[in-house]
C-alpha cells in the first residue's frame, strides 16, 4: 500500500470535511446552510455541491409527485381498464403472484392494462379479499393455489405456465408500472426472443400521510420470452434463469410501494423470522446419508447464505455477518462452476461487513468477487471504500474512477450487481476532490484565488 505524508493526508482531510453532512438525508435548508459555512473556503466543492443539490431536489420533488398522485392515476387506469376487452391471442402476458395485497393490488393490475394483453394473477392464499378486487377486470385471469411459504420459485413457475403470451412482464402485488409516455409496450414488442429486459425499479417508502420518498432503486430483469427455457430458481427468494439471453433495457419503469408503519410490514418481518427459524432447524436436522459430499456442501452453503440474506433484510447485520462467515467456509469448498454461479453471495458479504465497518472482511469478499467477475461497479466501490478508510486516497482514486466507468454498463446487470448505485454521487464528489487535491497540492487551501474550477 502506498503511503502519504501526514501533511498530505491533513490537506486531503480538509477537502473531505464535507462528508459528515453530505448524504442522502439533506432535505433541511438549515443543514444545507451549515454545510455552506463549513466549505466556504473551498468554492470548487461548493459549486459541485450546488449543482448536485439542485439536481437531487428536483428529483425528490418529481418522485414525491408520483407518490402523491397515486389515487388519481388509479381512477384513470380504472376507466381505461373497464373499457378493455379480453384478447384471444395474447402476445404480452403480465404475471403476478399475490397474497394479502388488498391495499395495493388494484393499482398493480390496472397499471398493466395498457402494456399487457392478459394479466395472470396467482393468489396463494389471501384472506383479506384480494381475489375480489382483481377478478372483475377484463384482462385478468385469476387462479388460486397454496404453496409452501419458503419457496416462491414454485409459485412463480406455476404462474408462468398459465401465461398464454409470447413474452411476460413480472410484477409484484405492491408495484406499479409507470408508463406515462405509453412507450413500454412498443419497446417490449421490439425485443427478440433471444433478449430479456431489465426494468428500473424505484423503491418508494412512506411513513404515512401519503408522504412518499424514493429510498433506493435497482435494475432487475422483469421482461422475458416464454418461448425458451425461462424459469425461476431459489428459496425462499428467487432469481430468474434466462440462459444466454441478451439483457437489454426497454423503456420500463416500476415503482415498488411500501408503507413502513403498517401491520403488513410487521407481518412480513414475522414471516421472514419464521422462515429463518425453519432454515436454522433444517441445518441442525439435515440428514445426508448416501449423498455425495459436493451435494452436502452446496446444500449447507445455500441455507447459511439464505439466513445471512434474511438477517440483513431484518437489519440484524451482526447475525448476517456470522452466517456469511459460516457460508464463506463452505463457499471455498464448492467447485469453480458453483462458485461462479453464487457470486451474488460475495457481494452480500461485502455489503454486510461494509455496514458493520469490518473493512478487512469487505476486502476479502470484494476481492473474491472480482476474481470471478472481473471489475464491476460493486467490487470497485468496495475497493474504493476500503482504501478511503485505510488513508490511501491515491489507490482510492483508481478504484473510484473504475467505479464511475463501470456504473453505466452495470445498470443493465441483474439485481445482485446493483447494490452500490446509490453511492454514485458520493463517489463522484470524492474522486473530483481527490483530483483537485492532486492538481493543487502546493496551493494553500485557505486561499480561494489559487483554486481552479474542475466542473
Protein backbone atom coordinates (compact mmCIF):
# COMPACT_ATOMS: atom_id res chain seq x y z
CA UNK A 1 0.00 0.00 0.00
CA UNK A 2 1.32 3.43 -0.94
CA UNK A 3 1.82 5.84 1.92
CA UNK A 4 1.49 9.60 2.03
CA UNK A 5 2.94 12.16 4.39
CA UNK A 6 0.92 13.39 7.36
CA UNK A 7 0.81 16.81 5.73
CA UNK A 8 -0.63 15.30 2.54
CA UNK A 9 -3.31 13.45 4.45
CA UNK A 10 -4.11 16.51 6.55
CA UNK A 11 -4.62 18.62 3.42
CA UNK A 12 -6.78 15.93 1.89
CA UNK A 13 -8.83 15.64 5.07
CA UNK A 14 -9.65 19.35 4.90
CA UNK A 15 -11.08 18.84 1.42
CA UNK A 16 -13.19 15.91 2.62
CA UNK A 17 -14.72 17.52 5.70
CA UNK A 18 -17.95 17.86 3.76
CA UNK A 19 -18.55 14.13 4.09
CA UNK A 20 -20.19 14.30 7.51
CA UNK A 21 -23.02 16.39 6.12
CA UNK A 22 -23.09 15.24 2.52
CA UNK A 23 -25.57 12.38 2.41
CA UNK A 24 -28.96 11.45 1.06
CA UNK A 25 -30.75 12.84 4.13
CA UNK A 26 -30.06 16.50 3.30
CA UNK A 27 -33.55 17.97 2.99
CA UNK A 28 -33.45 20.67 5.66
CA UNK A 29 -32.22 24.10 4.45
CA UNK A 30 -30.60 24.66 7.87
CA UNK A 31 -28.36 21.63 7.33
CA UNK A 32 -27.53 22.85 3.85
CA UNK A 33 -26.63 26.32 5.21
CA UNK A 34 -24.40 24.75 7.84
CA UNK A 35 -22.67 22.84 5.08
CA UNK A 36 -22.07 26.05 3.14
CA UNK A 37 -20.34 27.57 6.18
CA UNK A 38 -18.08 24.55 6.53
CA UNK A 39 -16.84 24.70 2.94
CA UNK A 40 -16.84 28.44 2.34
CA UNK A 41 -13.04 28.35 1.85
CA UNK A 42 -13.21 25.85 -1.00
CA UNK A 43 -15.52 27.33 -3.67
CA UNK A 44 -14.98 24.46 -6.12
CA UNK A 45 -16.51 21.92 -3.75
CA UNK A 46 -19.40 24.26 -3.11
CA UNK A 47 -20.01 24.63 -6.85
CA UNK A 48 -20.05 20.85 -7.28
CA UNK A 49 -22.41 20.51 -4.34
CA UNK A 50 -24.72 23.29 -5.53
CA UNK A 51 -25.17 21.57 -8.87
CA UNK A 52 -25.80 18.20 -7.30
CA UNK A 53 -28.09 19.55 -4.57
CA UNK A 54 -30.31 21.23 -7.15
CA UNK A 55 -30.48 18.02 -9.19
CA UNK A 56 -31.37 15.96 -6.11
CA UNK A 57 -34.02 18.43 -5.04
CA UNK A 58 -35.69 18.29 -8.45
CA UNK A 59 -35.60 14.50 -8.41
CA UNK A 60 -37.14 14.34 -4.94
CA UNK A 61 -39.97 16.66 -6.00
CA UNK A 62 -40.75 14.56 -9.06
CA UNK A 63 -40.71 11.33 -7.08
CA UNK A 64 -42.95 12.85 -4.42
CA UNK A 65 -45.45 13.82 -7.10
CA UNK A 66 -45.51 10.24 -8.37
CA UNK A 67 -46.47 9.15 -4.85
CA UNK A 68 -48.94 11.96 -4.21
CA UNK A 69 -50.96 11.26 -7.36
CA UNK A 70 -51.42 7.51 -6.85
CA UNK A 71 -55.18 7.77 -6.28
CA UNK A 72 -55.72 9.99 -9.31
CA UNK A 73 -53.77 7.56 -11.50
CA UNK A 74 -55.77 4.62 -10.19
CA UNK A 75 -59.01 6.38 -11.19
CA UNK A 76 -57.68 6.99 -14.71
CA UNK A 77 -56.39 3.43 -15.01
CA UNK A 78 -59.75 2.05 -13.88
CA UNK A 79 -61.77 3.87 -16.55
CA UNK A 80 -59.42 2.68 -19.30
CA UNK A 81 -59.27 -0.89 -17.97
CA UNK A 82 -63.02 -1.36 -17.81
CA UNK A 83 -63.25 -0.34 -21.47
CA UNK A 84 -60.85 -3.12 -22.48
CA UNK A 85 -61.89 -6.44 -23.97
CA UNK A 86 -60.23 -9.84 -23.48
CA UNK A 87 -57.63 -10.69 -26.14
CA UNK A 88 -57.97 -14.09 -27.83
CA UNK A 89 -54.32 -14.50 -28.83
CA UNK A 90 -52.25 -12.57 -26.26
CA UNK A 91 -48.70 -11.55 -27.09
CA UNK A 92 -47.64 -9.95 -23.80
CA UNK A 93 -48.73 -11.52 -20.50
CA UNK A 94 -48.48 -9.92 -17.10
CA UNK A 95 -47.56 -12.44 -14.40
CA UNK A 96 -48.15 -11.85 -10.69
CA UNK A 97 -48.18 -13.98 -7.53
CA UNK A 98 -50.01 -12.28 -4.66
CA UNK A 99 -51.10 -12.87 -1.10
CA UNK A 100 -52.98 -10.37 1.07
CA UNK A 101 -52.30 -7.37 -1.15
CA UNK A 102 -55.72 -5.71 -0.91
CA UNK A 103 -54.18 -2.26 -0.33
CA UNK A 104 -52.01 -2.21 -3.46
CA UNK A 105 -53.03 -4.96 -5.89
CA UNK A 106 -55.63 -2.91 -7.80
CA UNK A 107 -53.03 -0.31 -8.78
CA UNK A 108 -50.62 -3.06 -9.82
CA UNK A 109 -53.18 -4.81 -12.02
CA UNK A 110 -54.54 -1.58 -13.51
CA UNK A 111 -51.08 -0.32 -14.43
CA UNK A 112 -50.57 -3.41 -16.63
CA UNK A 113 -53.70 -2.98 -18.76
CA UNK A 114 -52.11 -0.68 -21.36
CA UNK A 115 -48.99 -2.84 -21.65
CA UNK A 116 -50.32 -6.42 -21.50
CA UNK A 117 -52.91 -8.43 -23.43
CA UNK A 118 -53.66 -10.62 -20.41
CA UNK A 119 -52.81 -10.45 -16.71
CA UNK A 120 -52.33 -13.75 -14.90
CA UNK A 121 -52.81 -13.31 -11.15
CA UNK A 122 -51.97 -16.33 -9.00
CA UNK A 123 -53.31 -15.90 -5.46
CA UNK A 124 -51.51 -18.11 -2.96
CA UNK A 125 -53.98 -17.90 -0.10
CA UNK A 126 -55.22 -14.36 0.54
CA UNK A 127 -57.64 -13.82 3.42
CA UNK A 128 -58.15 -10.06 3.02
CA UNK A 129 -60.32 -10.02 -0.14
CA UNK A 130 -57.51 -9.61 -2.67
CA UNK A 131 -59.27 -12.02 -5.05
CA UNK A 132 -62.47 -9.99 -5.15
CA UNK A 133 -60.57 -6.82 -6.05
CA UNK A 134 -58.83 -8.17 -9.15
CA UNK A 135 -61.23 -10.69 -10.69
CA UNK A 136 -63.62 -8.10 -12.13
CA UNK A 137 -61.19 -6.64 -14.66
CA UNK A 138 -61.49 -7.80 -18.30
CA UNK A 139 -57.87 -8.79 -18.90
CA UNK A 140 -57.34 -10.53 -15.53
CA UNK A 141 -57.21 -14.31 -15.28
CA UNK A 142 -57.35 -15.20 -11.58
CA UNK A 143 -56.08 -18.53 -10.27
CA UNK A 144 -55.87 -19.70 -6.67
CA UNK A 145 -53.49 -22.26 -5.21
CA UNK A 146 -51.46 -22.51 -2.00
CA UNK A 147 -47.73 -23.21 -1.96
CA UNK A 148 -45.05 -23.82 0.66
CA UNK A 149 -44.08 -20.40 2.08
CA UNK A 150 -40.31 -20.85 1.81
CA UNK A 151 -40.00 -21.41 -1.95
CA UNK A 152 -41.57 -18.68 -4.06
CA UNK A 153 -39.96 -20.05 -7.23
CA UNK A 154 -42.53 -22.88 -7.35
CA UNK A 155 -45.37 -20.36 -7.40
CA UNK A 156 -43.57 -18.17 -9.94
CA UNK A 157 -43.07 -21.08 -12.34
CA UNK A 158 -46.68 -22.22 -11.90
CA UNK A 159 -47.92 -18.72 -12.79
CA UNK A 160 -45.66 -18.64 -15.85
CA UNK A 161 -47.14 -21.95 -17.05
CA UNK A 162 -50.58 -20.29 -17.00
CA UNK A 163 -49.49 -17.47 -19.34
CA UNK A 164 -50.56 -17.72 -22.98
CA UNK A 165 -48.42 -14.90 -24.38
CA UNK A 166 -45.00 -14.98 -26.02
CA UNK A 167 -43.47 -12.56 -23.52
CA UNK A 168 -44.17 -11.82 -19.90
CA UNK A 169 -43.73 -8.92 -17.51
CA UNK A 170 -43.14 -9.96 -13.90
CA UNK A 171 -44.81 -7.68 -11.34
CA UNK A 172 -45.45 -7.94 -7.60
CA UNK A 173 -48.74 -7.06 -5.96
CA UNK A 174 -47.33 -3.92 -4.33
CA UNK A 175 -45.80 -2.48 -7.51
CA UNK A 176 -46.93 -0.27 -10.39
CA UNK A 177 -45.75 0.10 -13.97
CA UNK A 178 -45.03 3.81 -14.56
CA UNK A 179 -45.62 4.16 -18.30
CA UNK A 180 -46.60 7.81 -18.54
CA UNK A 181 -45.34 8.17 -22.13
CA UNK A 182 -47.04 4.96 -23.29
CA UNK A 183 -43.82 3.54 -24.73
CA UNK A 184 -43.33 0.34 -22.70
CA UNK A 185 -45.50 -1.94 -24.88
CA UNK A 186 -43.82 -0.86 -28.11
CA UNK A 187 -40.36 -1.34 -26.58
CA UNK A 188 -41.22 -4.84 -25.33
CA UNK A 189 -42.71 -5.87 -28.70
CA UNK A 190 -39.45 -4.77 -30.35
CA UNK A 191 -37.47 -7.25 -28.25
CA UNK A 192 -36.38 -10.55 -29.80
CA UNK A 193 -36.90 -14.00 -28.20
CA UNK A 194 -33.15 -14.02 -27.51
CA UNK A 195 -33.42 -10.95 -25.27
CA UNK A 196 -34.50 -10.36 -21.68
CA UNK A 197 -35.45 -6.92 -20.41
CA UNK A 198 -34.37 -5.05 -17.29
CA UNK A 199 -36.63 -2.54 -15.60
CA UNK A 200 -35.72 0.45 -13.45
CA UNK A 201 -37.34 -0.39 -10.11
CA UNK A 202 -37.82 2.55 -7.73
CA UNK A 203 -38.33 1.65 -4.05
CA UNK A 204 -40.92 4.04 -2.64
CA UNK A 205 -41.47 4.13 1.13
CA UNK A 206 -43.90 6.17 3.18
CA UNK A 207 -44.21 6.82 6.90
CA UNK A 208 -47.83 7.89 6.47
CA UNK A 209 -49.88 10.87 5.21
CA UNK A 210 -49.13 9.95 1.59
CA UNK A 211 -45.60 11.31 2.02
CA UNK A 212 -43.67 9.06 -0.34
CA UNK A 213 -39.92 9.17 -0.96
CA UNK A 214 -37.53 7.12 -3.04
CA UNK A 215 -35.22 5.23 -0.70
CA UNK A 216 -33.34 3.31 -3.37
CA UNK A 217 -33.52 1.77 -6.82
CA UNK A 218 -32.30 -1.30 -8.65
CA UNK A 219 -32.18 -2.67 -12.15
CA UNK A 220 -33.95 -6.03 -12.26
CA UNK A 221 -34.71 -8.45 -15.12
CA UNK A 222 -38.51 -8.27 -15.47
CA UNK A 223 -39.35 -8.99 -19.15
CA UNK A 224 -38.76 -12.47 -20.54
CA UNK A 225 -39.57 -14.63 -23.55
CA UNK A 226 -41.91 -17.54 -22.78
CA UNK A 227 -40.72 -19.37 -25.88
CA UNK A 228 -37.44 -20.52 -24.33
CA UNK A 229 -36.30 -22.20 -21.12
CA UNK A 230 -37.10 -19.33 -18.78
CA UNK A 231 -37.86 -20.22 -15.15
CA UNK A 232 -37.19 -19.23 -11.55
CA UNK A 233 -34.91 -20.90 -9.02
CA UNK A 234 -34.04 -20.23 -5.39
CA UNK A 235 -35.52 -20.45 -1.93
CA UNK A 236 -37.09 -18.55 -0.29
CA UNK A 237 -36.40 -15.57 -2.55
CA UNK A 238 -35.99 -16.48 -6.19
CA UNK A 239 -33.91 -15.48 -9.16
CA UNK A 240 -34.84 -15.66 -12.86
CA UNK A 241 -32.86 -18.05 -15.04
CA UNK A 242 -32.93 -16.96 -18.67
CA UNK A 243 -29.95 -18.80 -20.15
CA UNK A 244 -27.77 -16.89 -22.57
CA UNK A 245 -30.40 -14.27 -23.41
CA UNK A 246 -29.02 -10.78 -24.01
CA UNK A 247 -30.05 -8.37 -21.26
CA UNK A 248 -31.42 -5.10 -22.68
CA UNK A 249 -33.13 -2.07 -21.15
CA UNK A 250 -36.61 -1.45 -22.59
CA UNK A 251 -38.45 1.71 -21.62
CA UNK A 252 -39.90 0.21 -18.43
CA UNK A 253 -40.06 1.83 -15.01
CA UNK A 254 -41.64 0.14 -11.97
CA UNK A 255 -42.46 1.70 -8.60
CA UNK A 256 -42.35 -0.62 -5.58
CA UNK A 257 -44.71 0.82 -2.93
CA UNK A 258 -44.37 0.07 0.76
CA UNK A 259 -45.88 1.70 3.82
CA UNK A 260 -43.28 1.48 6.56
CA UNK A 261 -45.60 1.84 9.54
CA UNK A 262 -48.23 -0.78 8.79
CA UNK A 263 -49.20 -4.13 10.22
CA UNK A 264 -48.36 -5.59 6.85
CA UNK A 265 -44.70 -4.70 7.27
CA UNK A 266 -44.69 -6.38 10.67
CA UNK A 267 -46.38 -9.45 9.19
CA UNK A 268 -43.70 -9.68 6.53
CA UNK A 269 -40.95 -9.48 9.12
CA UNK A 270 -42.67 -12.13 11.23
CA UNK A 271 -42.88 -14.39 8.18
CA UNK A 272 -39.20 -13.79 7.48
CA UNK A 273 -38.32 -14.73 11.06
CA UNK A 274 -40.38 -17.92 10.77
CA UNK A 275 -38.55 -18.85 7.57
CA UNK A 276 -35.19 -18.18 9.25
CA UNK A 277 -36.15 -20.34 12.23
CA UNK A 278 -37.07 -23.14 9.83
CA UNK A 279 -33.76 -22.80 8.00
CA UNK A 280 -31.77 -22.88 11.23
CA UNK A 281 -33.57 -26.03 12.35
CA UNK A 282 -33.05 -27.63 8.94
CA UNK A 283 -29.29 -27.06 9.28
CA UNK A 284 -29.27 -28.95 12.56
CA UNK A 285 -31.61 -31.73 11.38
CA UNK A 286 -30.15 -32.25 7.90
CA UNK A 287 -29.52 -35.91 7.05
CA UNK A 288 -27.16 -36.52 4.12
CA UNK A 289 -26.90 -40.30 4.37
CA UNK A 290 -25.90 -41.63 0.96
CA UNK A 291 -25.47 -38.16 -0.55
CA UNK A 292 -22.27 -37.04 -2.24
CA UNK A 293 -20.08 -34.60 -0.33
CA UNK A 294 -20.49 -31.95 -3.04
CA UNK A 295 -24.28 -32.01 -2.57
CA UNK A 296 -23.93 -31.68 1.20
CA UNK A 297 -21.59 -28.70 0.89
CA UNK A 298 -23.82 -26.87 -1.62
CA UNK A 299 -26.98 -27.55 0.38
CA UNK A 300 -25.44 -26.30 3.63
CA UNK A 301 -23.99 -23.28 1.85
CA UNK A 302 -27.38 -22.29 0.42
CA UNK A 303 -29.03 -22.50 3.84
CA UNK A 304 -26.37 -20.38 5.56
CA UNK A 305 -26.40 -17.91 2.68
CA UNK A 306 -30.17 -17.51 2.90
CA UNK A 307 -30.10 -16.92 6.67
CA UNK A 308 -27.48 -14.22 6.13
CA UNK A 309 -29.64 -12.62 3.42
CA UNK A 310 -32.80 -12.66 5.52
CA UNK A 311 -30.93 -11.35 8.58
CA UNK A 312 -29.71 -8.41 6.52
CA UNK A 313 -33.30 -7.79 5.42
CA UNK A 314 -34.27 -7.54 9.10
CA UNK A 315 -31.34 -5.17 9.73
CA UNK A 316 -29.68 -7.75 12.01
CA UNK A 317 -26.24 -7.27 10.48
CA UNK A 318 -24.34 -8.99 13.29
CA UNK A 319 -26.19 -12.25 12.69
CA UNK A 320 -25.93 -11.70 8.94
CA UNK A 321 -22.15 -11.37 9.24
CA UNK A 322 -21.97 -14.50 11.42
CA UNK A 323 -23.77 -16.65 8.85
CA UNK A 324 -21.87 -15.06 5.98
CA UNK A 325 -18.63 -16.23 7.60
CA UNK A 326 -20.01 -19.75 8.04
CA UNK A 327 -21.12 -19.74 4.42
CA UNK A 328 -17.69 -18.49 3.31
CA UNK A 329 -16.01 -21.63 4.67
CA UNK A 330 -18.46 -23.72 2.63
CA UNK A 331 -18.12 -21.48 -0.41
CA UNK A 332 -14.40 -22.20 -0.63
CA UNK A 333 -15.22 -25.92 -0.87
CA UNK A 334 -17.50 -25.52 -3.90
CA UNK A 335 -16.39 -26.32 -7.42
CA UNK A 336 -15.40 -23.49 -9.75
CA UNK A 337 -18.67 -23.65 -11.65
CA UNK A 338 -20.74 -23.44 -8.46
CA UNK A 339 -18.59 -20.59 -7.13
CA UNK A 340 -19.16 -18.61 -10.30
CA UNK A 341 -22.93 -19.19 -10.08
CA UNK A 342 -23.11 -17.98 -6.48
CA UNK A 343 -21.14 -14.73 -6.83
CA UNK A 344 -24.17 -12.80 -5.53
CA UNK A 345 -23.30 -14.18 -2.10
CA UNK A 346 -19.91 -12.47 -2.19
CA UNK A 347 -21.46 -9.05 -2.75
CA UNK A 348 -23.88 -9.70 0.09
CA UNK A 349 -20.93 -10.45 2.38
CA UNK A 350 -19.10 -7.31 1.27
CA UNK A 351 -22.19 -5.16 1.79
CA UNK A 352 -22.98 -6.54 5.24
CA UNK A 353 -19.43 -6.04 6.51
CA UNK A 354 -19.33 -2.59 4.95
CA UNK A 355 -22.35 -1.72 7.09
CA UNK A 356 -20.52 -3.02 10.16
CA UNK A 357 -17.26 -1.25 9.32
CA UNK A 358 -15.29 -4.51 9.02
CA UNK A 359 -13.04 -3.32 6.23
CA UNK A 360 -10.75 -6.34 6.06
CA UNK A 361 -13.76 -8.59 5.56
CA UNK A 362 -15.13 -6.16 2.95
CA UNK A 363 -11.87 -6.51 1.03
CA UNK A 364 -11.95 -10.32 1.37
CA UNK A 365 -15.39 -10.69 -0.19
CA UNK A 366 -14.92 -7.98 -2.82
CA UNK A 367 -11.57 -9.39 -3.97
CA UNK A 368 -13.04 -12.89 -4.32
CA UNK A 369 -15.96 -11.46 -6.31
CA UNK A 370 -13.53 -9.57 -8.54
CA UNK A 371 -11.61 -12.78 -9.22
CA UNK A 372 -14.72 -14.41 -10.71
CA UNK A 373 -16.50 -11.42 -12.31
CA UNK A 374 -13.72 -9.00 -13.11
CA UNK A 375 -14.18 -5.28 -12.36
CA UNK A 376 -17.75 -4.20 -11.76
CA UNK A 377 -19.37 -1.24 -10.05
CA UNK A 378 -19.88 -3.08 -6.77
CA UNK A 379 -16.44 -4.58 -6.16
CA UNK A 380 -14.86 -1.35 -7.42
CA UNK A 381 -16.89 0.62 -4.87
CA UNK A 382 -15.84 -1.64 -2.01
CA UNK A 383 -12.20 -1.31 -3.07
CA UNK A 384 -12.69 2.46 -3.16
CA UNK A 385 -14.26 2.45 0.33
CA UNK A 386 -11.50 0.25 1.73
CA UNK A 387 -8.65 2.50 0.58
CA UNK A 388 -10.54 5.64 1.63
CA UNK A 389 -10.75 4.29 5.17
CA UNK A 390 -7.18 3.00 5.03
CA UNK A 391 -5.92 6.53 4.36
CA UNK A 392 -4.68 5.93 0.81
CA UNK A 393 -6.54 8.40 -1.45
CA UNK A 394 -4.33 7.54 -4.44
CA UNK A 395 -5.45 3.91 -4.55
CA UNK A 396 -9.00 5.00 -3.67
CA UNK A 397 -8.92 7.31 -6.70
CA UNK A 398 -8.07 4.41 -9.01
CA UNK A 399 -10.98 2.34 -7.74
CA UNK A 400 -13.28 5.37 -7.74
CA UNK A 401 -12.54 6.09 -11.39
CA UNK A 402 -13.13 2.45 -12.22
CA UNK A 403 -16.45 2.52 -10.35
CA UNK A 404 -17.65 5.56 -12.31
CA UNK A 405 -16.68 3.87 -15.58
CA UNK A 406 -18.49 0.64 -14.68
CA UNK A 407 -21.65 2.19 -13.31
CA UNK A 408 -23.42 2.83 -16.61
CA UNK A 409 -22.85 -0.63 -18.09
CA UNK A 410 -23.66 -2.32 -14.78
CA UNK A 411 -27.10 -0.72 -14.74
CA UNK A 412 -28.13 -3.48 -17.15
CA UNK A 413 -26.93 -6.23 -14.85
CA UNK A 414 -29.31 -8.21 -12.64
CA UNK A 415 -30.24 -7.27 -9.10
CA UNK A 416 -27.15 -8.70 -7.44
CA UNK A 417 -24.90 -6.25 -9.30
CA UNK A 418 -26.77 -3.15 -8.20
CA UNK A 419 -26.01 -2.79 -4.52
CA UNK A 420 -23.96 0.42 -4.74
CA UNK A 421 -25.73 2.54 -7.36
CA UNK A 422 -26.94 4.98 -4.71
CA UNK A 423 -23.30 5.82 -3.89
CA UNK A 424 -22.62 7.28 -7.35
CA UNK A 425 -22.96 10.94 -6.33
CA UNK A 426 -20.76 10.46 -3.28
CA UNK A 427 -18.01 8.64 -5.19
CA UNK A 428 -18.08 11.30 -7.91
CA UNK A 429 -17.59 14.00 -5.29
CA UNK A 430 -14.72 12.12 -3.67
CA UNK A 431 -13.00 11.47 -6.99
CA UNK A 432 -13.31 15.12 -8.02
CA UNK A 433 -11.99 16.24 -4.63
CA UNK A 434 -9.01 13.90 -4.84
CA UNK A 435 -8.19 15.00 -8.38
CA UNK A 436 -8.48 18.63 -7.26
CA UNK A 437 -6.13 17.95 -4.38
CA UNK A 438 -3.58 16.19 -6.61
CA UNK A 439 -3.55 19.11 -9.06
CA UNK A 440 -3.29 21.71 -6.31
CA UNK A 441 -1.06 20.09 -3.71
CA UNK A 442 1.07 23.22 -3.48
CA UNK A 443 -1.85 25.60 -3.22
CA UNK A 444 -2.94 26.99 0.11
CA UNK A 445 -6.31 25.52 0.98
CA UNK A 446 -7.47 28.75 2.60
CA UNK A 447 -6.71 30.85 -0.49
CA UNK A 448 -9.58 30.55 -3.00
CA UNK A 449 -7.61 32.57 -5.56
CA UNK A 450 -5.33 29.58 -6.11
CA UNK A 451 -8.23 27.21 -6.86
CA UNK A 452 -9.33 26.12 -10.30
CA UNK A 453 -12.88 25.03 -11.04
CA UNK A 454 -12.85 21.43 -12.23
CA UNK A 455 -16.53 21.02 -13.17
